[in-house]
Amino acid sequence: MAMLDSSTGWLIYQYLSRNIEKKWDKFKIEMDQWERKERLGKLVQEMTSMKSAIKAKDPSIARAIYDTDLKWLCTDCNYLKQCEEMRPKK
């Protein structure tokens, strides 16, 4: 929505459980101009971080899921050990 400057979008869920009759669901999302601008700014930040990491050939420069609320995804990641090794020690 931010990239297309669209005030309306749809979040589509696919249910993978076989115990649910319903396989798809959709939810309408609306964003005002300020929200779209804020989201676009965050996307540009992410892209800039990624490009810098690629150019420097240093993945530790890029922001990762490890640094967000999505860290739970790290549990089953095949690269968790390497990722932890390159993270700054606290």
C-alpha atoms as a PDB file:
ATOM      1  CA  MET A   1       0.000   0.000   0.000  1.00  0.00           C
ATOM      2  CA  ALA A   2       2.843   2.364   0.846  1.00  0.00           C
ATOM      3  CA  MET A   3       4.732   1.664  -2.363  1.00  0.00           C
ATOM      4  CA  LEU A   4       1.620   2.093  -4.501  1.00  0.00           C
ATOM      5  CA  ASP A   5       0.298   4.998  -2.391  1.00  0.00           C
ATOM      6  CA  SER A   6      -2.999   3.159  -2.013  1.00  0.00           C
ATOM      7  CA  SER A   7      -5.228   3.999   0.924  1.00  0.00           C
ATOM      8  CA  THR A   8      -6.935   0.580   0.864  1.00  0.00           C
ATOM      9  CA  GLY A   9      -5.551  -2.936   0.763  1.00  0.00           C
ATOM     10  CA  TRP A  10      -6.424  -6.485   1.721  1.00  0.00           C
ATOM     11  CA  LEU A  11      -4.614  -8.868   4.039  1.00  0.00           C
ATOM     12  CA  ILE A  12      -5.266 -12.402   2.821  1.00  0.00           C
ATOM     13  CA  TYR A  13      -4.866 -15.383   5.151  1.00  0.00           C
ATOM     14  CA  GLN A  14      -4.574 -18.963   3.988  1.00  0.00           C
ATOM     15  CA  TYR A  15      -5.452 -21.509   6.654  1.00  0.00           C
ATOM     16  CA  LEU A  16      -3.169 -24.531   6.469  1.00  0.00           C
ATOM     17  CA  SER A  17      -4.912 -26.634   9.111  1.00  0.00           C
ATOM     18  CA  ARG A  18      -6.951 -29.502   7.723  1.00  0.00           C
ATOM     19  CA  ASN A  19      -9.312 -29.173  10.687  1.00  0.00           C
ATOM     20  CA  ILE A  20     -10.752 -25.913   9.357  1.00  0.00           C
ATOM     21  CA  GLU A  21     -13.346 -25.870   6.602  1.00  0.00           C
ATOM     22  CA  LYS A  22     -12.531 -22.311   5.656  1.00  0.00           C
ATOM     23  CA  LYS A  23      -9.286 -22.150   3.644  1.00  0.00           C
ATOM     24  CA  TRP A  24      -9.059 -18.399   3.004  1.00  0.00           C
ATOM     25  CA  ASP A  25      -9.989 -15.211   4.791  1.00  0.00           C
ATOM     26  CA  LYS A  26      -9.434 -11.567   3.936  1.00  0.00           C
ATOM     27  CA  PHE A  27      -9.357  -8.382   5.964  1.00  0.00           C
ATOM     28  CA  LYS A  28      -9.623  -4.887   4.604  1.00  0.00           C
ATOM     29  CA  ILE A  29      -6.869  -2.517   5.712  1.00  0.00           C
ATOM     30  CA  GLU A  30      -6.923   1.232   5.382  1.00  0.00           C
ATOM     31  CA  MET A  31      -4.022   3.621   5.852  1.00  0.00           C
ATOM     32  CA  ASP A  32      -4.082   7.372   5.757  1.00  0.00           C
ATOM     33  CA  GLN A  33      -1.435   9.352   3.907  1.00  0.00           C
ATOM     34  CA  TRP A  34       0.707   9.809   7.042  1.00  0.00           C
ATOM     35  CA  GLU A  35       0.694   6.045   7.801  1.00  0.00           C
ATOM     36  CA  ARG A  36       1.680   5.232   4.214  1.00  0.00           C
ATOM     37  CA  LYS A  37       4.489   7.783   4.322  1.00  0.00           C
ATOM     38  CA  GLU A  38       5.767   6.354   7.617  1.00  0.00           C
ATOM     39  CA  ARG A  39       5.660   2.766   6.280  1.00  0.00           C
ATOM     40  CA  LEU A  40       7.420   3.795   3.063  1.00  0.00           C
ATOM     41  CA  GLY A  41      10.164   5.457   5.142  1.00  0.00           C
ATOM     42  CA  LYS A  42      10.692   2.214   7.056  1.00  0.00           C
ATOM     43  CA  LEU A  43      10.871   0.229   3.807  1.00  0.00           C
ATOM     44  CA  VAL A  44      13.487   2.633   2.435  1.00  0.00           C
ATOM     45  CA  GLN A  45      15.502   2.240   5.667  1.00  0.00           C
ATOM     46  CA  GLU A  46      15.368  -1.550   5.331  1.00  0.00           C
ATOM     47  CA  MET A  47      16.447  -1.408   1.699  1.00  0.00           C
ATOM     48  CA  THR A  48      19.299   0.995   2.449  1.00  0.00           C
ATOM     49  CA  SER A  49      20.504  -1.259   5.263  1.00  0.00           C
ATOM     50  CA  MET A  50      20.382  -4.305   2.998  1.00  0.00           C
ATOM     51  CA  LYS A  51      22.192  -2.538   0.141  1.00  0.00           C
ATOM     52  CA  SER A  52      24.928  -1.343   2.515  1.00  0.00           C
ATOM     53  CA  ALA A  53      25.402  -4.874   3.855  1.00  0.00           C
ATOM     54  CA  ILE A  54      25.603  -6.318   0.341  1.00  0.00           C
ATOM     55  CA  LYS A  55      28.073  -3.663  -0.792  1.00  0.00           C
ATOM     56  CA  ALA A  56      30.268  -4.192   2.287  1.00  0.00           C
ATOM     57  CA  LYS A  57      29.816  -7.984   2.046  1.00  0.00           C
ATOM     58  CA  ASP A  58      28.942  -7.900   5.741  1.00  0.00           C
ATOM     59  CA  PRO A  59      25.485  -9.281   6.668  1.00  0.00           C
ATOM     60  CA  SER A  60      25.840  -8.055  10.258  1.00  0.00           C
ATOM     61  CA  ILE A  61      25.240  -4.497   8.993  1.00  0.00           C
ATOM     62  CA  ALA A  62      21.710  -5.313   7.849  1.00  0.00           C
ATOM     63  CA  ARG A  63      18.840  -5.245  10.308  1.00  0.00           C
ATOM     64  CA  ALA A  64      17.537  -8.761  10.799  1.00  0.00           C
ATOM     65  CA  ILE A  65      14.519 -10.537  12.235  1.00  0.00           C
ATOM     66  CA  TYR A  66      16.809 -11.206  15.193  1.00  0.00           C
ATOM     67  CA  ASP A  67      16.464  -7.496  16.013  1.00  0.00           C
ATOM     68  CA  THR A  68      12.642  -7.385  15.971  1.00  0.00           C
ATOM     69  CA  ASP A  69       9.552  -8.878  17.562  1.00  0.00           C
ATOM     70  CA  LEU A  70       9.787 -11.600  14.910  1.00  0.00           C
ATOM     71  CA  LYS A  71      12.755 -13.196  16.720  1.00  0.00           C
ATOM     72  CA  TRP A  72      10.589 -16.276  17.398  1.00  0.00           C
ATOM     73  CA  LEU A  73      11.219 -17.209  13.758  1.00  0.00           C
ATOM     74  CA  CYS A  74      14.885 -17.765  14.674  1.00  0.00           C
ATOM     75  CA  THR A  75      14.040 -20.924  16.632  1.00  0.00           C
ATOM     76  CA  ASP A  76      13.864 -23.121  13.515  1.00  0.00           C
ATOM     77  CA  CYS A  77      16.357 -21.185  11.375  1.00  0.00           C
ATOM     78  CA  ASN A  78      19.209 -23.156   9.839  1.00  0.00           C
ATOM     79  CA  TYR A  79      21.485 -20.115  10.149  1.00  0.00           C
ATOM     80  CA  LEU A  80      20.840 -19.254  13.804  1.00  0.00           C
ATOM     81  CA  LYS A  81      24.336 -20.199  14.970  1.00  0.00           C
ATOM     82  CA  GLN A  82      26.065 -18.131  12.266  1.00  0.00           C
ATOM     83  CA  CYS A  83      23.717 -15.221  12.917  1.00  0.00           C
ATOM     84  CA  GLU A  84      24.421 -15.275  16.663  1.00  0.00           C
ATOM     85  CA  GLU A  85      28.162 -15.404  15.990  1.00  0.00           C
ATOM     86  CA  MET A  86      28.089 -12.216  13.921  1.00  0.00           C
ATOM     87  CA  ARG A  87      25.837 -10.277  16.331  1.00  0.00           C
ATOM     88  CA  PRO A  88      27.564  -7.796  18.645  1.00  0.00           C
ATOM     89  CA  LYS A  89      28.132  -9.254  22.106  1.00  0.00           C
ATOM     90  CA  LYS A  90      26.099  -7.590  24.866  1.00  0.00           C
END
